[in-house]
Amino acid sequence: MQIDQLIQTIAIAAIPILFAITLHEAAHGYVAKHFGDMTAYQQGRISLNPIRHIDPVGTILIPIMTLWLGGILFGWAKPVPVNFAALRHPKKDMLWVAVAGPVSNLFMALCWALLAKFSGVGGEYAEPMLKMAQIGIQINVVLMVLNMLPLPPLDGGRVAVSLLPNKQADQLSRLEPYGLFILIFLAFTPVLSWILKPFINASYTVIRLIFGS
Protein backbone atom coordinates (compact mmCIF):
# COMPACT_ATOMS: atom_id res chain seq x y z
CA MET A 1 0.00 0.00 0.00
CA GLN A 2 1.35 3.44 -0.96
CA ILE A 3 1.86 6.09 1.74
CA ASP A 4 -0.97 8.34 0.55
CA GLN A 5 -3.36 5.37 0.46
CA LEU A 6 -2.18 4.32 3.93
CA ILE A 7 -2.81 7.80 5.35
CA GLN A 8 -6.31 7.84 3.82
CA THR A 9 -7.05 4.37 5.21
CA ILE A 10 -5.78 5.33 8.68
CA ALA A 11 -8.02 8.42 8.69
CA ILE A 12 -11.06 6.27 7.82
CA ALA A 13 -10.11 3.43 10.18
CA ALA A 14 -9.27 5.56 13.24
CA ILE A 15 -12.84 5.95 14.51
CA PRO A 16 -13.95 2.28 14.25
CA ILE A 17 -10.66 1.01 15.72
CA LEU A 18 -10.74 3.42 18.67
CA PHE A 19 -14.43 2.67 19.35
CA ALA A 20 -13.88 -1.09 19.13
CA ILE A 21 -11.02 -1.11 21.60
CA THR A 22 -12.37 1.59 23.95
CA LEU A 23 -15.88 0.16 24.35
CA HIS A 24 -14.46 -3.34 24.78
CA GLU A 25 -12.40 -2.26 27.80
CA ALA A 26 -15.06 0.07 29.23
CA ALA A 27 -17.57 -2.80 29.09
CA HIS A 28 -15.29 -4.95 31.27
CA GLY A 29 -15.02 -2.16 33.83
CA TYR A 30 -18.74 -1.42 33.86
CA VAL A 31 -19.74 -5.06 34.41
CA ALA A 32 -17.02 -5.50 37.06
CA LYS A 33 -18.47 -2.48 38.90
CA HIS A 34 -21.96 -3.96 38.62
CA PHE A 35 -20.73 -7.16 40.30
CA GLY A 36 -18.89 -5.38 43.10
CA ASP A 37 -15.35 -4.54 41.92
CA MET A 38 -14.76 -0.79 41.96
CA THR A 39 -11.13 -0.91 40.77
CA ALA A 40 -11.71 0.28 37.19
CA TYR A 41 -14.22 2.89 38.35
CA GLN A 42 -11.83 4.33 40.94
CA GLN A 43 -9.07 4.54 38.30
CA GLY A 44 -11.33 6.33 35.82
CA ARG A 45 -11.27 3.48 33.32
CA ILE A 46 -15.04 3.18 32.88
CA SER A 47 -14.89 5.85 30.23
CA LEU A 48 -15.55 6.30 26.53
CA ASN A 49 -12.54 8.63 26.33
CA PRO A 50 -10.09 6.64 24.18
CA ILE A 51 -7.09 8.42 25.72
CA ARG A 52 -7.72 6.51 28.96
CA HIS A 53 -7.43 3.18 27.12
CA ILE A 54 -4.82 3.73 24.39
CA ASP A 55 -1.80 1.48 24.35
CA PRO A 56 0.85 2.96 22.01
CA VAL A 57 1.73 -0.44 20.57
CA GLY A 58 -1.61 -2.27 20.58
CA THR A 59 -3.91 0.64 19.74
CA ILE A 60 -1.72 2.55 17.29
CA LEU A 61 1.32 0.67 15.96
CA ILE A 62 -0.16 -2.82 15.45
CA PRO A 63 -3.36 -1.66 13.67
CA ILE A 64 -1.31 0.61 11.36
CA MET A 65 1.07 -2.24 10.56
CA THR A 66 -1.78 -4.64 9.78
CA LEU A 67 -3.50 -2.02 7.61
CA TRP A 68 -0.24 -1.49 5.74
CA LEU A 69 0.89 -5.10 5.42
CA GLY A 70 -2.54 -6.71 5.07
CA GLY A 71 -3.78 -9.79 6.88
CA ILE A 72 -6.01 -9.86 9.94
CA LEU A 73 -6.67 -6.38 11.36
CA PHE A 74 -6.44 -6.42 15.13
CA GLY A 75 -5.09 -4.52 18.13
CA TRP A 76 -5.58 -4.04 21.85
CA ALA A 77 -5.87 -1.39 24.55
CA LYS A 78 -4.52 -1.11 28.07
CA PRO A 79 -6.40 -3.83 29.98
CA VAL A 80 -8.98 -2.52 32.42
CA PRO A 81 -7.88 -3.53 35.95
CA VAL A 82 -10.24 -6.05 37.51
CA ASN A 83 -9.83 -7.44 41.02
CA PHE A 84 -11.74 -10.70 40.68
CA ALA A 85 -11.47 -11.30 44.43
CA ALA A 86 -13.60 -8.18 44.96
CA LEU A 87 -16.50 -9.58 42.92
CA ARG A 88 -19.43 -10.79 44.99
CA HIS A 89 -19.12 -14.31 43.54
CA PRO A 90 -15.60 -14.30 42.03
CA LYS A 91 -15.64 -17.52 40.00
CA LYS A 92 -19.18 -17.09 38.69
CA ASP A 93 -19.07 -13.33 38.11
CA MET A 94 -15.74 -13.63 36.29
CA LEU A 95 -17.65 -15.07 33.33
CA TRP A 96 -19.88 -11.99 32.95
CA VAL A 97 -16.99 -9.56 33.32
CA ALA A 98 -14.99 -11.46 30.70
CA VAL A 99 -17.78 -11.90 28.16
CA ALA A 100 -18.77 -8.21 28.33
CA GLY A 101 -15.91 -7.21 26.04
CA PRO A 102 -16.68 -9.60 23.16
CA VAL A 103 -20.41 -8.86 23.49
CA SER A 104 -19.66 -5.15 23.07
CA ASN A 105 -17.70 -5.98 19.91
CA LEU A 106 -20.60 -8.05 18.58
CA PHE A 107 -22.96 -5.12 19.20
CA MET A 108 -20.61 -2.70 17.43
CA ALA A 109 -20.12 -5.06 14.47
CA LEU A 110 -23.91 -5.14 14.01
CA CYS A 111 -24.10 -1.35 14.27
CA TRP A 112 -21.40 -0.93 11.62
CA ALA A 113 -23.18 -3.48 9.42
CA LEU A 114 -26.35 -1.39 9.70
CA LEU A 115 -24.38 1.69 8.66
CA ALA A 116 -22.92 -0.25 5.71
CA LYS A 117 -26.41 -1.20 4.58
CA PHE A 118 -27.53 2.43 4.49
CA SER A 119 -24.22 3.97 3.37
CA GLY A 120 -25.63 4.40 -0.14
CA VAL A 121 -27.77 7.32 1.05
CA GLY A 122 -24.62 9.23 2.03
CA GLY A 123 -24.22 10.92 -1.34
CA GLU A 124 -20.62 12.00 -1.90
CA TYR A 125 -19.70 10.46 1.46
CA ALA A 126 -21.13 7.05 0.58
CA GLU A 127 -17.80 5.46 -0.35
CA PRO A 128 -15.84 6.55 2.77
CA MET A 129 -18.84 5.66 4.97
CA LEU A 130 -18.94 2.18 3.46
CA LYS A 131 -15.18 1.76 3.90
CA MET A 132 -15.39 2.91 7.52
CA ALA A 133 -18.28 0.52 8.18
CA GLN A 134 -16.38 -2.38 6.60
CA ILE A 135 -13.36 -1.70 8.80
CA GLY A 136 -15.67 -1.38 11.82
CA ILE A 137 -17.18 -4.79 11.09
CA GLN A 138 -13.76 -6.34 10.54
CA ILE A 139 -12.01 -5.02 13.67
CA ASN A 140 -14.97 -5.87 15.92
CA VAL A 141 -15.42 -9.38 14.55
CA VAL A 142 -11.69 -10.07 14.87
CA LEU A 143 -11.57 -8.73 18.45
CA MET A 144 -14.64 -10.74 19.40
CA VAL A 145 -13.27 -13.99 17.99
CA LEU A 146 -9.69 -13.44 19.15
CA ASN A 147 -10.71 -12.60 22.69
CA MET A 148 -12.87 -15.70 22.97
CA LEU A 149 -9.89 -18.03 22.53
CA PRO A 150 -9.69 -20.13 25.74
CA LEU A 151 -6.26 -18.79 26.65
CA PRO A 152 -5.73 -16.66 29.76
CA PRO A 153 -5.51 -13.68 29.98
CA LEU A 154 -7.88 -13.44 26.98
CA ASP A 155 -11.58 -13.19 27.78
CA GLY A 156 -12.19 -16.74 26.57
CA GLY A 157 -9.59 -17.95 29.06
CA ARG A 158 -11.46 -16.18 31.86
CA VAL A 159 -14.72 -17.74 30.69
CA ALA A 160 -13.11 -21.19 30.68
CA VAL A 161 -11.68 -20.66 34.18
CA SER A 162 -15.15 -19.63 35.36
CA LEU A 163 -16.85 -22.70 33.86
CA LEU A 164 -14.28 -25.44 34.56
CA PRO A 165 -14.16 -27.42 37.82
CA ASN A 166 -11.80 -25.89 40.37
CA LYS A 167 -8.87 -28.23 39.69
CA GLN A 168 -8.90 -27.77 35.91
CA ALA A 169 -9.62 -24.04 36.30
CA ASP A 170 -6.55 -23.67 38.52
CA GLN A 171 -4.39 -25.52 36.00
CA LEU A 172 -5.59 -23.34 33.14
CA SER A 173 -5.16 -20.11 35.12
CA ARG A 174 -1.47 -20.95 35.61
CA LEU A 175 -0.98 -20.26 31.89
CA GLU A 176 -1.86 -16.59 32.38
CA PRO A 177 1.72 -15.26 32.80
CA TYR A 178 2.63 -16.92 29.51
CA GLY A 179 -0.62 -16.35 27.58
CA LEU A 180 0.43 -13.12 25.87
CA PHE A 181 3.73 -14.64 24.76
CA ILE A 182 1.90 -17.68 23.38
CA LEU A 183 -0.48 -15.39 21.48
CA ILE A 184 2.36 -13.28 20.02
CA PHE A 185 4.19 -16.44 18.95
CA LEU A 186 1.06 -17.76 17.24
CA ALA A 187 0.55 -14.39 15.53
CA PHE A 188 3.93 -14.74 13.83
CA THR A 189 2.97 -18.14 12.45
CA PRO A 190 0.06 -19.21 10.23
CA VAL A 191 -1.47 -21.04 13.20
CA LEU A 192 -3.39 -18.06 14.62
CA SER A 193 -4.92 -17.34 11.23
CA TRP A 194 -5.87 -21.01 10.83
CA ILE A 195 -7.64 -20.94 14.19
CA LEU A 196 -9.42 -17.62 13.77
CA LYS A 197 -10.49 -17.59 10.11
CA PRO A 198 -13.29 -20.22 10.30
CA PHE A 199 -14.93 -18.34 13.19
CA ILE A 200 -14.37 -14.95 11.54
CA ASN A 201 -15.89 -16.18 8.28
CA ALA A 202 -18.83 -17.70 10.16
CA SER A 203 -19.43 -14.35 11.88
CA TYR A 204 -19.39 -12.52 8.54
CA THR A 205 -21.88 -15.05 7.16
CA VAL A 206 -24.27 -14.48 10.07
CA ILE A 207 -24.01 -10.70 9.68
CA ARG A 208 -24.74 -10.99 5.95
CA LEU A 209 -27.75 -13.18 6.67
CA ILE A 210 -29.10 -10.67 9.22
CA PHE A 211 -28.70 -7.65 6.96
CA GLY A 212 -29.37 -9.37 3.66
CA SER A 213 -26.16 -8.38 1.95
C-alpha atoms as a PDB file:
ATOM      1  CA  MET A   1       0.000   0.000   0.000  1.00  0.00           C
ATOM      2  CA  GLN A   2       1.349   3.442  -0.959  1.00  0.00           C
ATOM      3  CA  ILE A   3       1.865   6.090   1.740  1.00  0.00           C
ATOM      4  CA  ASP A   4      -0.973   8.343   0.548  1.00  0.00           C
ATOM      5  CA  GLN A   5      -3.355   5.369   0.459  1.00  0.00           C
ATOM      6  CA  LEU A   6      -2.178   4.325   3.926  1.00  0.00           C
ATOM      7  CA  ILE A   7      -2.815   7.804   5.346  1.00  0.00           C
ATOM      8  CA  GLN A   8      -6.305   7.842   3.818  1.00  0.00           C
ATOM      9  CA  THR A   9      -7.051   4.367   5.212  1.00  0.00           C
ATOM     10  CA  ILE A  10      -5.776   5.331   8.681  1.00  0.00           C
ATOM     11  CA  ALA A  11      -8.024   8.419   8.689  1.00  0.00           C
ATOM     12  CA  ILE A  12     -11.062   6.275   7.821  1.00  0.00           C
ATOM     13  CA  ALA A  13     -10.105   3.433  10.184  1.00  0.00           C
ATOM     14  CA  ALA A  14      -9.270   5.563  13.238  1.00  0.00           C
ATOM     15  CA  ILE A  15     -12.841   5.954  14.507  1.00  0.00           C
ATOM     16  CA  PRO A  16     -13.948   2.283  14.248  1.00  0.00           C
ATOM     17  CA  ILE A  17     -10.665   1.006  15.725  1.00  0.00           C
ATOM     18  CA  LEU A  18     -10.744   3.423  18.675  1.00  0.00           C
ATOM     19  CA  PHE A  19     -14.433   2.674  19.349  1.00  0.00           C
ATOM     20  CA  ALA A  20     -13.876  -1.093  19.128  1.00  0.00           C
ATOM     21  CA  ILE A  21     -11.015  -1.109  21.601  1.00  0.00           C
ATOM     22  CA  THR A  22     -12.371   1.590  23.949  1.00  0.00           C
ATOM     23  CA  LEU A  23     -15.880   0.159  24.350  1.00  0.00           C
ATOM     24  CA  HIS A  24     -14.456  -3.340  24.783  1.00  0.00           C
ATOM     25  CA  GLU A  25     -12.404  -2.260  27.801  1.00  0.00           C
ATOM     26  CA  ALA A  26     -15.058   0.069  29.232  1.00  0.00           C
ATOM     27  CA  ALA A  27     -17.568  -2.804  29.093  1.00  0.00           C
ATOM     28  CA  HIS A  28     -15.294  -4.951  31.270  1.00  0.00           C
ATOM     29  CA  GLY A  29     -15.021  -2.157  33.828  1.00  0.00           C
ATOM     30  CA  TYR A  30     -18.742  -1.420  33.861  1.00  0.00           C
ATOM     31  CA  VAL A  31     -19.737  -5.060  34.412  1.00  0.00           C
ATOM     32  CA  ALA A  32     -17.021  -5.498  37.062  1.00  0.00           C
ATOM     33  CA  LYS A  33     -18.465  -2.480  38.901  1.00  0.00           C
ATOM     34  CA  HIS A  34     -21.959  -3.964  38.617  1.00  0.00           C
ATOM     35  CA  PHE A  35     -20.732  -7.158  40.304  1.00  0.00           C
ATOM     36  CA  GLY A  36     -18.892  -5.382  43.104  1.00  0.00           C
ATOM     37  CA  ASP A  37     -15.351  -4.545  41.917  1.00  0.00           C
ATOM     38  CA  MET A  38     -14.764  -0.788  41.959  1.00  0.00           C
ATOM     39  CA  THR A  39     -11.129  -0.910  40.774  1.00  0.00           C
ATOM     40  CA  ALA A  40     -11.708   0.281  37.195  1.00  0.00           C
ATOM     41  CA  TYR A  41     -14.222   2.891  38.350  1.00  0.00           C
ATOM     42  CA  GLN A  42     -11.828   4.329  40.937  1.00  0.00           C
ATOM     43  CA  GLN A  43      -9.069   4.538  38.300  1.00  0.00           C
ATOM     44  CA  GLY A  44     -11.333   6.331  35.819  1.00  0.00           C
ATOM     45  CA  ARG A  45     -11.266   3.483  33.322  1.00  0.00           C
ATOM     46  CA  ILE A  46     -15.043   3.179  32.880  1.00  0.00           C
ATOM     47  CA  SER A  47     -14.888   5.853  30.231  1.00  0.00           C
ATOM     48  CA  LEU A  48     -15.548   6.305  26.527  1.00  0.00           C
ATOM     49  CA  ASN A  49     -12.544   8.632  26.333  1.00  0.00           C
ATOM     50  CA  PRO A  50     -10.088   6.639  24.176  1.00  0.00           C
ATOM     51  CA  ILE A  51      -7.086   8.424  25.720  1.00  0.00           C
ATOM     52  CA  ARG A  52      -7.724   6.506  28.957  1.00  0.00           C
ATOM     53  CA  HIS A  53      -7.434   3.181  27.123  1.00  0.00           C
ATOM     54  CA  ILE A  54      -4.821   3.734  24.391  1.00  0.00           C
ATOM     55  CA  ASP A  55      -1.796   1.477  24.353  1.00  0.00           C
ATOM     56  CA  PRO A  56       0.852   2.964  22.010  1.00  0.00           C
ATOM     57  CA  VAL A  57       1.735  -0.439  20.571  1.00  0.00           C
ATOM     58  CA  GLY A  58      -1.606  -2.275  20.582  1.00  0.00           C
ATOM     59  CA  THR A  59      -3.914   0.638  19.744  1.00  0.00           C
ATOM     60  CA  ILE A  60      -1.722   2.552  17.285  1.00  0.00           C
ATOM     61  CA  LEU A  61       1.316   0.673  15.961  1.00  0.00           C
ATOM     62  CA  ILE A  62      -0.163  -2.815  15.452  1.00  0.00           C
ATOM     63  CA  PRO A  63      -3.363  -1.660  13.665  1.00  0.00           C
ATOM     64  CA  ILE A  64      -1.314   0.610  11.365  1.00  0.00           C
ATOM     65  CA  MET A  65       1.067  -2.242  10.559  1.00  0.00           C
ATOM     66  CA  THR A  66      -1.776  -4.641   9.784  1.00  0.00           C
ATOM     67  CA  LEU A  67      -3.501  -2.024   7.608  1.00  0.00           C
ATOM     68  CA  TRP A  68      -0.240  -1.485   5.742  1.00  0.00           C
ATOM     69  CA  LEU A  69       0.888  -5.099   5.416  1.00  0.00           C
ATOM     70  CA  GLY A  70      -2.537  -6.707   5.070  1.00  0.00           C
ATOM     71  CA  GLY A  71      -3.776  -9.792   6.875  1.00  0.00           C
ATOM     72  CA  ILE A  72      -6.013  -9.857   9.942  1.00  0.00           C
ATOM     73  CA  LEU A  73      -6.668  -6.378  11.359  1.00  0.00           C
ATOM     74  CA  PHE A  74      -6.443  -6.418  15.131  1.00  0.00           C
ATOM     75  CA  GLY A  75      -5.085  -4.518  18.132  1.00  0.00           C
ATOM     76  CA  TRP A  76      -5.578  -4.039  21.853  1.00  0.00           C
ATOM     77  CA  ALA A  77      -5.869  -1.394  24.549  1.00  0.00           C
ATOM     78  CA  LYS A  78      -4.519  -1.113  28.066  1.00  0.00           C
ATOM     79  CA  PRO A  79      -6.398  -3.827  29.975  1.00  0.00           C
ATOM     80  CA  VAL A  80      -8.976  -2.523  32.423  1.00  0.00           C
ATOM     81  CA  PRO A  81      -7.879  -3.532  35.946  1.00  0.00           C
ATOM     82  CA  VAL A  82     -10.239  -6.055  37.511  1.00  0.00           C
ATOM     83  CA  ASN A  83      -9.834  -7.439  41.024  1.00  0.00           C
ATOM     84  CA  PHE A  84     -11.736 -10.697  40.680  1.00  0.00           C
ATOM     85  CA  ALA A  85     -11.466 -11.298  44.431  1.00  0.00           C
ATOM     86  CA  ALA A  86     -13.596  -8.184  44.965  1.00  0.00           C
ATOM     87  CA  LEU A  87     -16.500  -9.578  42.923  1.00  0.00           C
ATOM     88  CA  ARG A  88     -19.429 -10.792  44.992  1.00  0.00           C
ATOM     89  CA  HIS A  89     -19.117 -14.306  43.540  1.00  0.00           C
ATOM     90  CA  PRO A  90     -15.602 -14.301  42.025  1.00  0.00           C
ATOM     91  CA  LYS A  91     -15.640 -17.516  40.001  1.00  0.00           C
ATOM     92  CA  LYS A  92     -19.182 -17.095  38.691  1.00  0.00           C
ATOM     93  CA  ASP A  93     -19.070 -13.334  38.115  1.00  0.00           C
ATOM     94  CA  MET A  94     -15.739 -13.628  36.290  1.00  0.00           C
ATOM     95  CA  LEU A  95     -17.651 -15.070  33.334  1.00  0.00           C
ATOM     96  CA  TRP A  96     -19.879 -11.995  32.954  1.00  0.00           C
ATOM     97  CA  VAL A  97     -16.988  -9.557  33.320  1.00  0.00           C
ATOM     98  CA  ALA A  98     -14.995 -11.459  30.697  1.00  0.00           C
ATOM     99  CA  VAL A  99     -17.781 -11.899  28.157  1.00  0.00           C
ATOM    100  CA  ALA A 100     -18.773  -8.213  28.328  1.00  0.00           C
ATOM    101  CA  GLY A 101     -15.907  -7.206  26.037  1.00  0.00           C
ATOM    102  CA  PRO A 102     -16.678  -9.603  23.164  1.00  0.00           C
ATOM    103  CA  VAL A 103     -20.407  -8.859  23.493  1.00  0.00           C
ATOM    104  CA  SER A 104     -19.660  -5.151  23.075  1.00  0.00           C
ATOM    105  CA  ASN A 105     -17.697  -5.984  19.913  1.00  0.00           C
ATOM    106  CA  LEU A 106     -20.599  -8.046  18.580  1.00  0.00           C
ATOM    107  CA  PHE A 107     -22.955  -5.124  19.197  1.00  0.00           C
ATOM    108  CA  MET A 108     -20.606  -2.704  17.431  1.00  0.00           C
ATOM    109  CA  ALA A 109     -20.125  -5.064  14.473  1.00  0.00           C
ATOM    110  CA  LEU A 110     -23.907  -5.144  14.012  1.00  0.00           C
ATOM    111  CA  CYS A 111     -24.103  -1.346  14.270  1.00  0.00           C
ATOM    112  CA  TRP A 112     -21.400  -0.930  11.616  1.00  0.00           C
ATOM    113  CA  ALA A 113     -23.183  -3.483   9.421  1.00  0.00           C
ATOM    114  CA  LEU A 114     -26.351  -1.393   9.703  1.00  0.00           C
ATOM    115  CA  LEU A 115     -24.375   1.693   8.657  1.00  0.00           C
ATOM    116  CA  ALA A 116     -22.920  -0.251   5.708  1.00  0.00           C
ATOM    117  CA  LYS A 117     -26.415  -1.200   4.584  1.00  0.00           C
ATOM    118  CA  PHE A 118     -27.532   2.433   4.491  1.00  0.00           C
ATOM    119  CA  SER A 119     -24.221   3.968   3.370  1.00  0.00           C
ATOM    120  CA  GLY A 120     -25.633   4.402  -0.136  1.00  0.00           C
ATOM    121  CA  VAL A 121     -27.767   7.322   1.054  1.00  0.00           C
ATOM    122  CA  GLY A 122     -24.616   9.228   2.034  1.00  0.00           C
ATOM    123  CA  GLY A 123     -24.224  10.918  -1.342  1.00  0.00           C
ATOM    124  CA  GLU A 124     -20.622  11.998  -1.905  1.00  0.00           C
ATOM    125  CA  TYR A 125     -19.704  10.460   1.461  1.00  0.00           C
ATOM    126  CA  ALA A 126     -21.134   7.052   0.583  1.00  0.00           C
ATOM    127  CA  GLU A 127     -17.804   5.464  -0.347  1.00  0.00           C
ATOM    128  CA  PRO A 128     -15.841   6.553   2.772  1.00  0.00           C
ATOM    129  CA  MET A 129     -18.844   5.657   4.966  1.00  0.00           C
ATOM    130  CA  LEU A 130     -18.939   2.176   3.458  1.00  0.00           C
ATOM    131  CA  LYS A 131     -15.180   1.759   3.904  1.00  0.00           C
ATOM    132  CA  MET A 132     -15.391   2.914   7.524  1.00  0.00           C
ATOM    133  CA  ALA A 133     -18.277   0.521   8.178  1.00  0.00           C
ATOM    134  CA  GLN A 134     -16.384  -2.382   6.596  1.00  0.00           C
ATOM    135  CA  ILE A 135     -13.360  -1.697   8.801  1.00  0.00           C
ATOM    136  CA  GLY A 136     -15.671  -1.385  11.821  1.00  0.00           C
ATOM    137  CA  ILE A 137     -17.176  -4.788  11.090  1.00  0.00           C
ATOM    138  CA  GLN A 138     -13.755  -6.338  10.539  1.00  0.00           C
ATOM    139  CA  ILE A 139     -12.012  -5.024  13.666  1.00  0.00           C
ATOM    140  CA  ASN A 140     -14.966  -5.867  15.920  1.00  0.00           C
ATOM    141  CA  VAL A 141     -15.417  -9.380  14.548  1.00  0.00           C
ATOM    142  CA  VAL A 142     -11.690 -10.074  14.874  1.00  0.00           C
ATOM    143  CA  LEU A 143     -11.571  -8.728  18.448  1.00  0.00           C
ATOM    144  CA  MET A 144     -14.644 -10.738  19.400  1.00  0.00           C
ATOM    145  CA  VAL A 145     -13.273 -13.994  17.989  1.00  0.00           C
ATOM    146  CA  LEU A 146      -9.689 -13.442  19.150  1.00  0.00           C
ATOM    147  CA  ASN A 147     -10.706 -12.605  22.691  1.00  0.00           C
ATOM    148  CA  MET A 148     -12.871 -15.696  22.972  1.00  0.00           C
ATOM    149  CA  LEU A 149      -9.890 -18.033  22.527  1.00  0.00           C
ATOM    150  CA  PRO A 150      -9.693 -20.128  25.735  1.00  0.00           C
ATOM    151  CA  LEU A 151      -6.257 -18.787  26.652  1.00  0.00           C
ATOM    152  CA  PRO A 152      -5.728 -16.661  29.765  1.00  0.00           C
ATOM    153  CA  PRO A 153      -5.515 -13.679  29.981  1.00  0.00           C
ATOM    154  CA  LEU A 154      -7.877 -13.436  26.984  1.00  0.00           C
ATOM    155  CA  ASP A 155     -11.577 -13.193  27.779  1.00  0.00           C
ATOM    156  CA  GLY A 156     -12.189 -16.741  26.574  1.00  0.00           C
ATOM    157  CA  GLY A 157      -9.588 -17.947  29.057  1.00  0.00           C
ATOM    158  CA  ARG A 158     -11.463 -16.184  31.860  1.00  0.00           C
ATOM    159  CA  VAL A 159     -14.723 -17.741  30.687  1.00  0.00           C
ATOM    160  CA  ALA A 160     -13.107 -21.187  30.683  1.00  0.00           C
ATOM    161  CA  VAL A 161     -11.681 -20.664  34.178  1.00  0.00           C
ATOM    162  CA  SER A 162     -15.147 -19.635  35.357  1.00  0.00           C
ATOM    163  CA  LEU A 163     -16.849 -22.704  33.865  1.00  0.00           C
ATOM    164  CA  LEU A 164     -14.281 -25.439  34.560  1.00  0.00           C
ATOM    165  CA  PRO A 165     -14.162 -27.416  37.822  1.00  0.00           C
ATOM    166  CA  ASN A 166     -11.798 -25.892  40.371  1.00  0.00           C
ATOM    167  CA  LYS A 167      -8.871 -28.232  39.693  1.00  0.00           C
ATOM    168  CA  GLN A 168      -8.905 -27.767  35.912  1.00  0.00           C
ATOM    169  CA  ALA A 169      -9.624 -24.035  36.297  1.00  0.00           C
ATOM    170  CA  ASP A 170      -6.552 -23.671  38.517  1.00  0.00           C
ATOM    171  CA  GLN A 171      -4.393 -25.522  36.000  1.00  0.00           C
ATOM    172  CA  LEU A 172      -5.594 -23.335  33.138  1.00  0.00           C
ATOM    173  CA  SER A 173      -5.158 -20.114  35.120  1.00  0.00           C
ATOM    174  CA  ARG A 174      -1.469 -20.950  35.613  1.00  0.00           C
ATOM    175  CA  LEU A 175      -0.979 -20.257  31.889  1.00  0.00           C
ATOM    176  CA  GLU A 176      -1.863 -16.588  32.375  1.00  0.00           C
ATOM    177  CA  PRO A 177       1.722 -15.257  32.796  1.00  0.00           C
ATOM    178  CA  TYR A 178       2.631 -16.920  29.509  1.00  0.00           C
ATOM    179  CA  GLY A 179      -0.621 -16.345  27.581  1.00  0.00           C
ATOM    180  CA  LEU A 180       0.427 -13.124  25.868  1.00  0.00           C
ATOM    181  CA  PHE A 181       3.734 -14.638  24.761  1.00  0.00           C
ATOM    182  CA  ILE A 182       1.902 -17.679  23.385  1.00  0.00           C
ATOM    183  CA  LEU A 183      -0.477 -15.393  21.477  1.00  0.00           C
ATOM    184  CA  ILE A 184       2.358 -13.280  20.022  1.00  0.00           C
ATOM    185  CA  PHE A 185       4.189 -16.438  18.950  1.00  0.00           C
ATOM    186  CA  LEU A 186       1.056 -17.760  17.244  1.00  0.00           C
ATOM    187  CA  ALA A 187       0.550 -14.385  15.531  1.00  0.00           C
ATOM    188  CA  PHE A 188       3.931 -14.740  13.829  1.00  0.00           C
ATOM    189  CA  THR A 189       2.968 -18.143  12.455  1.00  0.00           C
ATOM    190  CA  PRO A 190       0.056 -19.211  10.226  1.00  0.00           C
ATOM    191  CA  VAL A 191      -1.469 -21.037  13.196  1.00  0.00           C
ATOM    192  CA  LEU A 192      -3.387 -18.057  14.622  1.00  0.00           C
ATOM    193  CA  SER A 193      -4.924 -17.343  11.231  1.00  0.00           C
ATOM    194  CA  TRP A 194      -5.873 -21.015  10.826  1.00  0.00           C
ATOM    195  CA  ILE A 195      -7.637 -20.936  14.188  1.00  0.00           C
ATOM    196  CA  LEU A 196      -9.422 -17.616  13.770  1.00  0.00           C
ATOM    197  CA  LYS A 197     -10.491 -17.593  10.113  1.00  0.00           C
ATOM    198  CA  PRO A 198     -13.289 -20.222  10.303  1.00  0.00           C
ATOM    199  CA  PHE A 199     -14.927 -18.336  13.193  1.00  0.00           C
ATOM    200  CA  ILE A 200     -14.368 -14.948  11.544  1.00  0.00           C
ATOM    201  CA  ASN A 201     -15.886 -16.176   8.276  1.00  0.00           C
ATOM    202  CA  ALA A 202     -18.829 -17.704  10.161  1.00  0.00           C
ATOM    203  CA  SER A 203     -19.426 -14.345  11.881  1.00  0.00           C
ATOM    204  CA  TYR A 204     -19.393 -12.523   8.536  1.00  0.00           C
ATOM    205  CA  THR A 205     -21.883 -15.052   7.162  1.00  0.00           C
ATOM    206  CA  VAL A 206     -24.267 -14.483  10.069  1.00  0.00           C
ATOM    207  CA  ILE A 207     -24.015 -10.699   9.678  1.00  0.00           C
ATOM    208  CA  ARG A 208     -24.740 -10.989   5.949  1.00  0.00           C
ATOM    209  CA  LEU A 209     -27.752 -13.177   6.674  1.00  0.00           C
ATOM    210  CA  ILE A 210     -29.096 -10.672   9.220  1.00  0.00           C
ATOM    211  CA  PHE A 211     -28.696  -7.654   6.964  1.00  0.00           C
ATOM    212  CA  GLY A 212     -29.371  -9.374   3.656  1.00  0.00           C
ATOM    213  CA  SER A 213     -26.158  -8.384   1.947  1.00  0.00           C
END
